[in-house]
Amino acid sequence: MSDRHPYEDRFGVIRGMPGKGRPRDEILAEMKWMGEEEDKVWQTGKCSGTMYCGDMEHYAFLNEAFSNFSHVNVLQRDMCPSASKFESEIIAMTLDMLHADAVGSHHPDSVPCGSVTSGGTDSIVTAMLAYRDWARAEKGITQPNAILPITAHPAFDKGCHLFGIEPIKAPVDPDTTLVDMGFVRDHIDDNTIVLVGSAGNYPYGTIDPIEALSDLALEHDIGLHVDGCLGGFILPWGQELGYDIPIFDFRLPGVTTISADTHKYGYGLKGTSVLSYREHSLRNHQYFTSTDWPGGKYLSPGLAGSRSGGLIAATWASMVSNGREGYLAYAKQIFEASYAMQDAVKSHDELKLMGQPTWCFSFTSEVFDIYHVNDFMKERGWRFNGQQYPNAVHMCVTRPQTQPGVVETFANDLAEAVKYALSPPREQPISGAIYGGVPGGPTPEVGAFIRDVMFGMLDGMQDVPTSPTGS
């Protein structure tokens, strides 16, 4: 593959609109080749997260479901009433999984509801918008702040940035990786509109003390958003299976919204997510209407206008085809694989698990730079996600890791990686420059340099080369 542009050497680069269209079979053959080559990266079971299902027959089923509505814009409900069936039932199934039936016991006047969004970031950003406008309308707050753990997903920072909310970052306990409740309690003020907790957080897979956050939210009459984008569609099944997973959902009276991604452990196509609300009055603040536009009266339920009917249909099909029994069976396999992999980590005194994780875990080392382990494992085909402050390696276990032999391969490769890290061929790990950091974070100068590099990476994802190779 070319360093200048993906597949430049094999397929060339399109730098402008072709004058004449290409044959469809030629186009499809080219795309099929790329797709099959890229699937090989994760089909080994050595890729953390990313591919949550991995079942090609399930993907084929979803693609067929998608094809019936691939041309549909669900904004036009008079033409596609099926979208209302699919969307409302996706929300209903999600609310059932998150124990929304318990709301009646602690908020008898509230009726839980939800919204289907384009992904986890969309769900989180939409929730932040709803809280901002709710606090402005109901409390007169014009300079809002939100208190969130440093482990909370960057989508919360994005939402705060977009909607003028001050993010107050709470530290986490270095041993448990959970949010410092004393900090949260001490920093709630008259402008605080929402608290945030993760179930579980992306870096470590650990679950913040949602019950304690719920108590604080009730005490101060503020919102509590539980970010279950990653864990929302697997932790409930883990609870049913008897794993030690604390309550984090609508059974807690202070929880007002929960985000849970259907395109992760719901095994839907990218990208869909569900933002669930304890009550309709809060959801109303995510809506947008325009009554005086010359083009007619306009309304949309969230940030997006046009949305794909195919994605909503495929998500519904995934949830209905799996059902409670299917989700429980897959969750059992994933939890078993995760705990076996964690046992492999714990078998090495040089390695340390971060907190008390369940299906998703991270580990570090106080003996050597953990990125030496990452370097070795990468050579063996493993694709981990790197953490920083402190340096750590993250493994999000999905269905591909439940394939026969993957856990054993992980244990064997990890044992060799530890030996490698104890006597590495180079002082500085190769992956350290990408993922590594120093305690306390980079200096402003280093931070600015890293941002420039990241901007360049984003440019590279979207821009074609300015001229052909060698010209």
Protein backbone atom coordinates (compact mmCIF):
# COMPACT_ATOMS: atom_id res chain seq x y z
CA MET A 1 0.00 0.00 0.00
CA SER A 2 1.28 3.45 -0.89
CA ASP A 3 2.41 5.80 1.86
CA ARG A 4 0.85 8.65 -0.09
CA HIS A 5 -2.71 7.39 -0.49
CA PRO A 6 -4.45 4.05 0.24
CA TYR A 7 -4.25 1.64 -2.73
CA GLU A 8 -2.64 4.28 -4.96
CA ASP A 9 -0.25 1.74 -6.45
CA ARG A 10 -2.97 -0.81 -7.21
CA PHE A 11 -5.97 1.29 -8.16
CA GLY A 12 -4.65 4.81 -8.70
CA VAL A 13 -6.21 7.98 -7.31
CA ILE A 14 -9.34 9.78 -8.50
CA ARG A 15 -8.59 13.50 -8.36
CA GLY A 16 -11.75 14.79 -9.98
CA MET A 17 -15.12 13.72 -11.32
CA PRO A 18 -14.64 11.03 -14.00
CA GLY A 19 -15.87 12.08 -17.39
CA LYS A 20 -17.27 8.64 -18.07
CA GLY A 21 -18.60 6.18 -15.55
CA ARG A 22 -16.94 2.81 -15.01
CA PRO A 23 -18.65 -0.59 -15.39
CA ARG A 24 -20.46 -1.64 -12.23
CA ASP A 25 -18.94 -5.11 -12.12
CA GLU A 26 -15.46 -3.59 -12.25
CA ILE A 27 -16.28 -1.22 -9.39
CA LEU A 28 -17.77 -3.99 -7.27
CA ALA A 29 -14.78 -6.27 -7.88
CA GLU A 30 -12.41 -3.53 -6.75
CA MET A 31 -14.42 -2.87 -3.60
CA LYS A 32 -14.77 -6.58 -2.85
CA TRP A 33 -11.00 -7.03 -3.00
CA MET A 34 -10.39 -4.14 -0.61
CA GLY A 35 -13.04 -5.32 1.82
CA GLU A 36 -11.76 -8.90 1.93
CA GLU A 37 -8.16 -7.77 2.41
CA GLU A 38 -9.11 -5.45 5.27
CA ASP A 39 -11.30 -8.06 6.97
CA LYS A 40 -8.23 -10.27 7.33
CA VAL A 41 -6.86 -7.82 9.93
CA TRP A 42 -9.57 -8.55 12.49
CA GLN A 43 -10.79 -12.03 11.55
CA THR A 44 -7.81 -13.52 13.43
CA GLY A 45 -9.38 -12.35 16.71
CA LYS A 46 -6.29 -10.28 17.50
CA CYS A 47 -7.93 -6.86 17.17
CA SER A 48 -9.16 -5.03 20.26
CA GLY A 49 -12.75 -3.81 19.91
CA THR A 50 -13.73 -2.33 16.53
CA MET A 51 -15.45 -5.46 15.16
CA TYR A 52 -17.94 -6.44 17.83
CA CYS A 53 -19.78 -9.18 15.99
CA GLY A 54 -17.45 -10.68 13.39
CA ASP A 55 -20.07 -13.10 12.08
CA MET A 56 -20.11 -12.76 8.28
CA GLU A 57 -23.47 -14.55 8.03
CA HIS A 58 -24.95 -12.01 10.45
CA TYR A 59 -23.47 -9.18 8.37
CA ALA A 60 -24.99 -10.68 5.22
CA PHE A 61 -28.37 -10.83 6.97
CA LEU A 62 -28.06 -7.19 8.03
CA ASN A 63 -26.98 -6.16 4.55
CA GLU A 64 -30.11 -7.76 3.13
CA ALA A 65 -32.28 -6.02 5.73
CA PHE A 66 -30.50 -2.75 4.92
CA SER A 67 -31.04 -3.18 1.18
CA ASN A 68 -34.82 -2.99 1.56
CA PHE A 69 -34.53 0.56 2.91
CA SER A 70 -31.09 1.72 1.71
CA HIS A 71 -32.70 4.42 -0.44
CA VAL A 72 -35.04 5.70 2.29
CA ASN A 73 -34.73 8.99 4.19
CA VAL A 74 -36.55 8.51 7.48
CA LEU A 75 -37.20 12.25 7.68
CA GLN A 76 -40.12 11.56 5.33
CA ARG A 77 -42.30 9.45 7.63
CA ASP A 78 -45.42 9.74 5.46
CA MET A 79 -43.55 7.76 2.79
CA CYS A 80 -41.84 5.29 5.13
CA PRO A 81 -44.01 4.55 8.18
CA SER A 82 -41.94 1.40 8.73
CA ALA A 83 -39.20 3.66 10.13
CA SER A 84 -41.50 4.62 13.00
CA LYS A 85 -42.06 0.94 13.77
CA PHE A 86 -38.35 0.15 13.65
CA GLU A 87 -37.21 3.20 15.59
CA SER A 88 -39.80 3.03 18.35
CA GLU A 89 -39.23 -0.69 18.85
CA ILE A 90 -35.43 -0.28 18.95
CA ILE A 91 -35.96 2.26 21.73
CA ALA A 92 -38.48 0.03 23.53
CA MET A 93 -36.14 -2.96 23.48
CA THR A 94 -33.27 -0.82 24.75
CA LEU A 95 -35.37 0.66 27.56
CA ASP A 96 -36.42 -2.86 28.57
CA MET A 97 -32.78 -3.98 28.72
CA LEU A 98 -31.91 -0.91 30.86
CA HIS A 99 -34.74 -1.59 33.34
CA ALA A 100 -36.77 1.49 32.49
CA ASP A 101 -39.76 -0.24 34.04
CA ALA A 102 -38.26 0.71 37.42
CA VAL A 103 -38.79 4.42 36.74
CA GLY A 104 -42.42 4.16 37.78
CA SER A 105 -41.39 3.16 41.29
CA HIS A 106 -39.27 6.26 41.96
CA HIS A 107 -40.66 8.77 39.42
CA PRO A 108 -44.30 7.71 38.95
CA ASP A 109 -45.13 10.69 36.72
CA SER A 110 -42.25 10.00 34.31
CA VAL A 111 -42.52 7.93 31.15
CA PRO A 112 -39.12 6.74 29.82
CA CYS A 113 -38.34 7.34 26.17
CA GLY A 114 -35.40 7.57 23.81
CA SER A 115 -33.97 8.46 20.45
CA VAL A 116 -31.94 6.63 17.82
CA THR A 117 -28.79 8.51 16.87
CA SER A 118 -25.89 7.96 14.46
CA GLY A 119 -23.45 6.67 17.10
CA GLY A 120 -22.01 7.17 20.55
CA THR A 121 -20.67 10.66 19.94
CA ASP A 122 -24.04 11.72 18.54
CA SER A 123 -25.82 10.31 21.61
CA ILE A 124 -23.45 12.04 24.02
CA VAL A 125 -23.43 15.38 22.21
CA THR A 126 -27.23 15.29 21.90
CA ALA A 127 -27.54 14.62 25.64
CA MET A 128 -25.31 17.62 26.40
CA LEU A 129 -27.48 19.81 24.19
CA ALA A 130 -30.63 18.62 25.96
CA TYR A 131 -29.15 19.30 29.40
CA ARG A 132 -27.97 22.76 28.39
CA ASP A 133 -31.34 23.80 27.03
CA TRP A 134 -33.21 22.16 29.93
CA ALA A 135 -31.10 24.04 32.47
CA ARG A 136 -31.55 27.31 30.59
CA ALA A 137 -35.32 26.90 30.35
CA GLU A 138 -36.00 25.43 33.79
CA LYS A 139 -33.30 27.04 35.95
CA GLY A 140 -32.18 30.10 34.05
CA ILE A 141 -28.58 28.84 33.89
CA THR A 142 -26.62 30.67 31.19
CA GLN A 143 -23.07 29.63 32.14
CA PRO A 144 -23.49 25.87 32.58
CA ASN A 145 -20.88 23.38 33.64
CA ALA A 146 -20.71 19.59 33.58
CA ILE A 147 -18.63 17.44 35.92
CA LEU A 148 -17.09 14.40 34.30
CA PRO A 149 -14.24 11.98 35.03
CA ILE A 150 -10.99 12.39 33.12
CA THR A 151 -11.75 8.91 31.75
CA ALA A 152 -15.03 10.10 30.17
CA HIS A 153 -15.11 9.87 26.39
CA PRO A 154 -13.84 12.93 24.46
CA ALA A 155 -17.32 13.23 22.95
CA PHE A 156 -18.28 15.03 26.18
CA ASP A 157 -15.55 17.57 25.53
CA LYS A 158 -16.87 17.95 22.00
CA GLY A 159 -20.39 18.55 23.30
CA CYS A 160 -19.14 21.08 25.83
CA HIS A 161 -17.12 22.82 23.13
CA LEU A 162 -20.06 23.01 20.74
CA PHE A 163 -22.67 24.14 23.24
CA GLY A 164 -20.77 26.47 25.57
CA ILE A 165 -20.63 24.19 28.59
CA GLU A 166 -17.64 24.32 30.93
CA PRO A 167 -16.23 20.81 31.45
CA ILE A 168 -14.97 20.24 34.99
CA LYS A 169 -12.65 17.24 34.93
CA ALA A 170 -12.70 15.03 38.00
CA PRO A 171 -9.61 12.89 38.73
CA VAL A 172 -9.85 9.16 39.16
CA ASP A 173 -8.34 6.95 41.82
CA PRO A 174 -5.11 5.54 40.35
CA ASP A 175 -5.78 2.09 41.81
CA THR A 176 -9.50 1.67 41.08
CA THR A 177 -9.58 3.99 38.01
CA LEU A 178 -12.99 5.22 39.27
CA VAL A 179 -14.02 8.85 39.54
CA ASP A 180 -13.10 10.70 42.74
CA MET A 181 -16.48 11.22 44.38
CA GLY A 182 -15.08 13.75 46.85
CA PHE A 183 -13.99 15.96 43.96
CA VAL A 184 -17.37 15.65 42.27
CA ARG A 185 -19.22 16.51 45.48
CA ASP A 186 -17.00 19.53 46.19
CA HIS A 187 -17.29 21.00 42.69
CA ILE A 188 -21.06 20.99 42.22
CA ASP A 189 -22.27 24.58 42.14
CA ASP A 190 -25.30 26.60 41.03
CA ASN A 191 -24.23 26.31 37.38
CA THR A 192 -23.77 22.54 37.33
CA ILE A 193 -26.31 20.98 34.98
CA VAL A 194 -25.16 17.35 34.71
CA LEU A 195 -22.85 14.76 36.21
CA VAL A 196 -21.29 12.06 34.05
CA GLY A 197 -20.33 8.48 34.88
CA SER A 198 -19.19 5.67 32.61
CA ALA A 199 -20.41 2.08 32.48
CA GLY A 200 -17.77 1.27 31.59
CA ASN A 201 -15.19 3.81 30.60
CA TYR A 202 -13.30 3.25 27.37
CA PRO A 203 -9.72 3.34 28.74
CA TYR A 204 -10.10 0.69 31.43
CA GLY A 205 -13.56 -0.86 31.08
CA THR A 206 -14.32 -0.06 34.72
CA ILE A 207 -17.67 1.20 35.98
CA ASP A 208 -17.87 4.49 37.89
CA PRO A 209 -19.85 4.57 41.18
CA ILE A 210 -23.14 5.35 39.44
CA GLU A 211 -25.22 4.81 42.58
CA ALA A 212 -23.24 7.48 44.47
CA LEU A 213 -23.51 9.83 41.48
CA SER A 214 -27.25 9.15 41.40
CA ASP A 215 -27.57 10.23 45.04
CA LEU A 216 -25.70 13.48 44.30
CA ALA A 217 -27.82 14.19 41.22
CA LEU A 218 -31.02 13.81 43.23
CA GLU A 219 -29.68 15.91 46.09
CA HIS A 220 -28.86 18.82 43.78
CA ASP A 221 -31.68 18.35 41.23
CA ILE A 222 -29.29 17.99 38.30
CA GLY A 223 -28.93 15.49 35.51
CA LEU A 224 -26.89 12.31 35.51
CA HIS A 225 -25.77 10.88 32.21
CA VAL A 226 -24.48 7.31 32.21
CA ASP A 227 -22.22 6.67 29.27
CA GLY A 228 -22.93 3.09 28.31
CA CYS A 229 -21.92 3.57 24.68
CA LEU A 230 -19.35 0.80 25.03
CA GLY A 231 -20.86 -1.33 27.80
CA GLY A 232 -24.57 -0.62 27.52
CA PHE A 233 -25.36 -3.65 25.37
CA ILE A 234 -23.22 -6.16 27.25
CA LEU A 235 -23.19 -5.22 30.95
CA PRO A 236 -26.94 -5.88 31.44
CA TRP A 237 -26.45 -9.43 30.15
CA GLY A 238 -23.41 -9.82 32.38
CA GLN A 239 -25.59 -8.92 35.36
CA GLU A 240 -28.15 -11.56 34.36
CA LEU A 241 -25.32 -14.08 34.05
CA GLY A 242 -24.32 -13.39 37.65
CA TYR A 243 -21.12 -11.42 37.16
CA ASP A 244 -20.23 -8.83 39.77
CA ILE A 245 -21.49 -5.76 37.92
CA PRO A 246 -22.98 -2.86 39.91
CA ILE A 247 -26.34 -1.36 39.00
CA PHE A 248 -25.90 1.56 36.61
CA ASP A 249 -29.23 1.95 34.82
CA PHE A 250 -32.74 3.35 35.39
CA ARG A 251 -33.18 1.33 38.56
CA LEU A 252 -31.21 4.20 40.14
CA PRO A 253 -33.54 7.19 40.65
CA GLY A 254 -30.92 9.84 39.83
CA VAL A 255 -30.09 8.49 36.36
CA THR A 256 -31.70 10.74 33.76
CA THR A 257 -30.07 9.62 30.49
CA ILE A 258 -28.10 6.61 29.24
CA SER A 259 -26.26 6.24 25.93
CA ALA A 260 -25.82 2.72 24.55
CA ASP A 261 -24.46 1.87 21.11
CA THR A 262 -26.42 -0.61 19.05
CA HIS A 263 -23.55 -0.73 16.58
CA LYS A 264 -21.23 -2.22 19.20
CA TYR A 265 -22.55 -5.11 21.33
CA GLY A 266 -26.02 -4.69 19.83
CA TYR A 267 -24.33 -6.11 16.71
CA GLY A 268 -25.95 -3.62 14.34
CA LEU A 269 -24.26 -1.94 11.40
CA LYS A 270 -22.25 1.24 11.94
CA GLY A 271 -23.53 3.71 12.93
CA THR A 272 -26.45 3.70 15.30
CA SER A 273 -26.85 4.29 19.01
CA VAL A 274 -29.71 4.82 21.42
CA LEU A 275 -29.99 7.76 23.78
CA SER A 276 -32.48 6.81 26.51
CA TYR A 277 -34.27 9.34 28.74
CA ARG A 278 -35.99 8.94 32.07
CA GLU A 279 -38.72 11.32 30.95
CA HIS A 280 -40.14 13.00 27.86
CA SER A 281 -39.73 16.56 29.10
CA LEU A 282 -35.94 16.25 28.92
CA ARG A 283 -35.97 14.62 25.48
CA ASN A 284 -38.02 17.55 24.16
CA HIS A 285 -34.92 19.72 24.54
CA GLN A 286 -33.09 17.77 21.82
CA TYR A 287 -35.82 18.50 19.28
CA PHE A 288 -35.58 21.21 16.63
CA THR A 289 -38.50 22.84 14.86
CA SER A 290 -38.84 25.73 12.45
CA THR A 291 -42.38 27.02 11.94
CA ASP A 292 -41.84 30.01 9.62
CA TRP A 293 -39.48 28.71 6.92
CA PRO A 294 -40.78 29.37 3.37
CA GLY A 295 -40.08 25.73 2.56
CA GLY A 296 -42.67 24.62 5.07
CA LYS A 297 -42.75 23.65 8.70
CA TYR A 298 -39.60 21.69 9.57
CA LEU A 299 -38.91 19.33 12.43
CA SER A 300 -36.16 16.89 13.33
CA PRO A 301 -35.64 14.82 16.48
CA GLY A 302 -31.94 15.54 16.85
CA LEU A 303 -28.84 17.00 15.27
CA ALA A 304 -29.26 15.15 11.97
CA GLY A 305 -31.86 15.93 9.34
CA SER A 306 -31.76 13.19 6.76
CA ARG A 307 -31.10 9.74 8.20
CA SER A 308 -30.67 6.33 6.62
CA GLY A 309 -33.71 4.07 6.67
CA GLY A 310 -31.40 1.17 5.95
CA LEU A 311 -29.40 1.58 9.15
CA ILE A 312 -32.46 1.79 11.36
CA ALA A 313 -34.00 -1.26 9.65
CA ALA A 314 -30.79 -3.28 10.00
CA THR A 315 -30.45 -2.34 13.68
CA TRP A 316 -34.00 -3.48 14.36
CA ALA A 317 -33.32 -6.71 12.47
CA SER A 318 -30.18 -7.37 14.52
CA MET A 319 -31.93 -6.88 17.85
CA VAL A 320 -34.98 -8.94 16.92
CA SER A 321 -32.90 -11.78 15.44
CA ASN A 322 -30.62 -12.01 18.49
CA GLY A 323 -33.19 -11.55 21.21
CA ARG A 324 -32.47 -11.94 24.90
CA GLU A 325 -31.30 -15.53 24.47
CA GLY A 326 -28.79 -14.65 21.75
CA TYR A 327 -27.36 -11.67 23.58
CA LEU A 328 -26.94 -13.69 26.77
CA ALA A 329 -25.14 -16.49 24.92
CA TYR A 330 -22.71 -14.12 23.21
CA ALA A 331 -22.12 -12.17 26.42
CA LYS A 332 -21.26 -15.38 28.28
CA GLN A 333 -18.63 -16.26 25.68
CA ILE A 334 -17.16 -12.74 25.77
CA PHE A 335 -16.96 -12.53 29.56
CA GLU A 336 -15.36 -15.96 29.76
CA ALA A 337 -12.78 -15.02 27.13
CA SER A 338 -12.06 -11.69 28.84
CA TYR A 339 -11.52 -13.20 32.27
CA ALA A 340 -9.27 -15.89 30.80
CA MET A 341 -7.19 -13.22 29.08
CA GLN A 342 -7.06 -11.23 32.32
CA ASP A 343 -5.82 -14.35 34.10
CA ALA A 344 -3.01 -14.50 31.56
CA VAL A 345 -2.10 -10.91 32.40
CA LYS A 346 -2.23 -11.55 36.15
CA SER A 347 0.05 -14.58 35.79
CA HIS A 348 2.95 -12.18 35.18
CA ASP A 349 4.23 -10.23 38.19
CA GLU A 350 5.59 -7.61 35.82
CA LEU A 351 2.09 -6.70 34.61
CA LYS A 352 -0.73 -4.94 36.46
CA LEU A 353 -4.43 -4.80 35.61
CA MET A 354 -5.97 -1.34 35.84
CA GLY A 355 -8.81 -1.44 38.37
CA GLN A 356 -11.32 -4.30 38.44
CA PRO A 357 -12.53 -4.68 34.86
CA THR A 358 -15.03 -7.11 33.39
CA TRP A 359 -15.29 -7.63 29.62
CA CYS A 360 -12.87 -4.84 28.68
CA PHE A 361 -9.54 -4.45 30.43
CA SER A 362 -6.29 -2.52 30.45
CA PHE A 363 -2.89 -3.37 31.87
CA THR A 364 0.34 -1.55 32.58
CA SER A 365 3.73 -2.28 34.12
CA GLU A 366 5.82 -0.76 36.88
CA VAL A 367 8.85 -2.76 35.74
CA PHE A 368 9.22 -1.69 32.10
CA ASP A 369 7.55 0.52 29.51
CA ILE A 370 4.41 -1.40 28.54
CA TYR A 371 4.82 -0.28 24.93
CA HIS A 372 7.66 -2.76 24.56
CA VAL A 373 4.95 -5.39 25.10
CA ASN A 374 2.80 -3.56 22.58
CA ASP A 375 5.66 -3.60 20.04
CA PHE A 376 6.13 -7.36 20.37
CA MET A 377 2.42 -8.16 20.28
CA LYS A 378 2.01 -6.01 17.17
CA GLU A 379 4.62 -8.14 15.43
CA ARG A 380 2.47 -11.16 16.30
CA GLY A 381 -0.55 -9.53 14.66
CA TRP A 382 -2.25 -8.09 17.75
CA ARG A 383 -3.83 -4.66 17.45
CA PHE A 384 -4.27 -3.14 20.89
CA ASN A 385 -5.37 0.36 21.83
CA GLY A 386 -2.79 2.38 23.71
CA GLN A 387 -3.48 4.46 26.80
CA GLN A 388 -1.50 7.25 28.37
CA TYR A 389 -1.06 8.84 31.81
CA PRO A 390 -0.04 6.17 32.68
CA ASN A 391 1.06 4.21 29.64
CA ALA A 392 -1.11 1.12 29.38
CA VAL A 393 -2.48 -1.36 26.85
CA HIS A 394 -6.22 -1.83 26.40
CA MET A 395 -8.05 -4.91 25.20
CA CYS A 396 -11.75 -4.71 24.45
CA VAL A 397 -12.95 -8.29 24.08
CA THR A 398 -15.48 -8.96 21.33
CA ARG A 399 -16.90 -12.03 19.62
CA PRO A 400 -13.83 -12.58 17.37
CA GLN A 401 -11.79 -13.26 20.53
CA THR A 402 -14.17 -16.10 21.43
CA GLN A 403 -12.98 -18.15 18.46
CA PRO A 404 -11.20 -21.39 19.42
CA GLY A 405 -7.52 -20.89 20.19
CA VAL A 406 -7.47 -17.10 20.40
CA VAL A 407 -7.25 -16.90 24.20
CA GLU A 408 -4.47 -19.50 24.24
CA THR A 409 -2.59 -17.61 21.54
CA PHE A 410 -2.92 -14.42 23.56
CA ALA A 411 -1.48 -16.09 26.65
CA ASN A 412 1.46 -17.59 24.75
CA ASP A 413 2.26 -14.39 22.86
CA LEU A 414 1.97 -12.31 26.02
CA ALA A 415 4.43 -14.55 27.86
CA GLU A 416 6.98 -14.02 25.09
CA ALA A 417 6.20 -10.29 25.02
CA VAL A 418 7.03 -9.96 28.71
CA LYS A 419 10.41 -11.64 28.13
CA TYR A 420 10.99 -9.27 25.23
CA ALA A 421 10.09 -6.22 27.33
CA LEU A 422 12.47 -7.26 30.11
CA SER A 423 15.36 -7.08 27.66
CA PRO A 424 14.23 -5.02 24.66
CA PRO A 425 16.48 -4.45 21.64
CA ARG A 426 15.92 -0.69 21.84
CA GLU A 427 15.47 1.66 24.78
CA GLN A 428 12.54 3.57 23.29
CA PRO A 429 9.55 1.49 22.14
CA ILE A 430 8.43 2.11 18.57
CA SER A 431 4.80 2.62 19.60
CA GLY A 432 5.71 5.01 22.40
CA ALA A 433 5.91 7.98 20.07
CA ILE A 434 2.28 7.45 19.08
CA TYR A 435 0.60 6.40 22.28
CA GLY A 436 3.03 7.23 25.05
CA GLY A 437 3.12 10.15 27.39
CA VAL A 438 4.63 11.40 30.58
CA PRO A 439 2.92 11.54 33.98
CA GLY A 440 0.82 14.65 34.28
CA GLY A 441 0.49 15.18 30.54
CA PRO A 442 2.63 16.92 27.90
CA THR A 443 3.86 20.48 28.10
CA PRO A 444 1.90 23.08 26.10
CA GLU A 445 4.60 23.03 23.43
CA VAL A 446 4.48 19.24 23.12
CA GLY A 447 0.69 19.35 23.21
CA ALA A 448 0.64 21.82 20.31
CA PHE A 449 3.02 19.61 18.33
CA ILE A 450 0.86 16.53 18.95
CA ARG A 451 -2.26 18.44 17.84
CA ASP A 452 -0.50 19.43 14.62
CA VAL A 453 0.40 15.80 13.97
CA MET A 454 -3.19 14.73 14.67
CA PHE A 455 -4.52 17.43 12.34
CA GLY A 456 -2.20 16.07 9.67
CA MET A 457 -3.56 12.58 10.23
CA LEU A 458 -7.12 13.86 9.81
CA ASP A 459 -6.11 15.69 6.63
CA GLY A 460 -4.57 12.47 5.34
CA MET A 461 -7.82 10.58 5.84
CA GLN A 462 -9.74 13.02 3.65
CA ASP A 463 -7.39 14.64 1.13
CA VAL A 464 -6.03 13.02 -2.02
CA PRO A 465 -2.38 13.63 -2.97
CA THR A 466 -1.91 16.90 -4.81
CA SER A 467 -0.02 15.24 -7.64
CA PRO A 468 0.79 11.74 -8.89
CA THR A 469 3.81 9.92 -7.48
CA GLY A 470 7.06 11.07 -9.05
CA SER A 471 5.58 14.08 -10.87
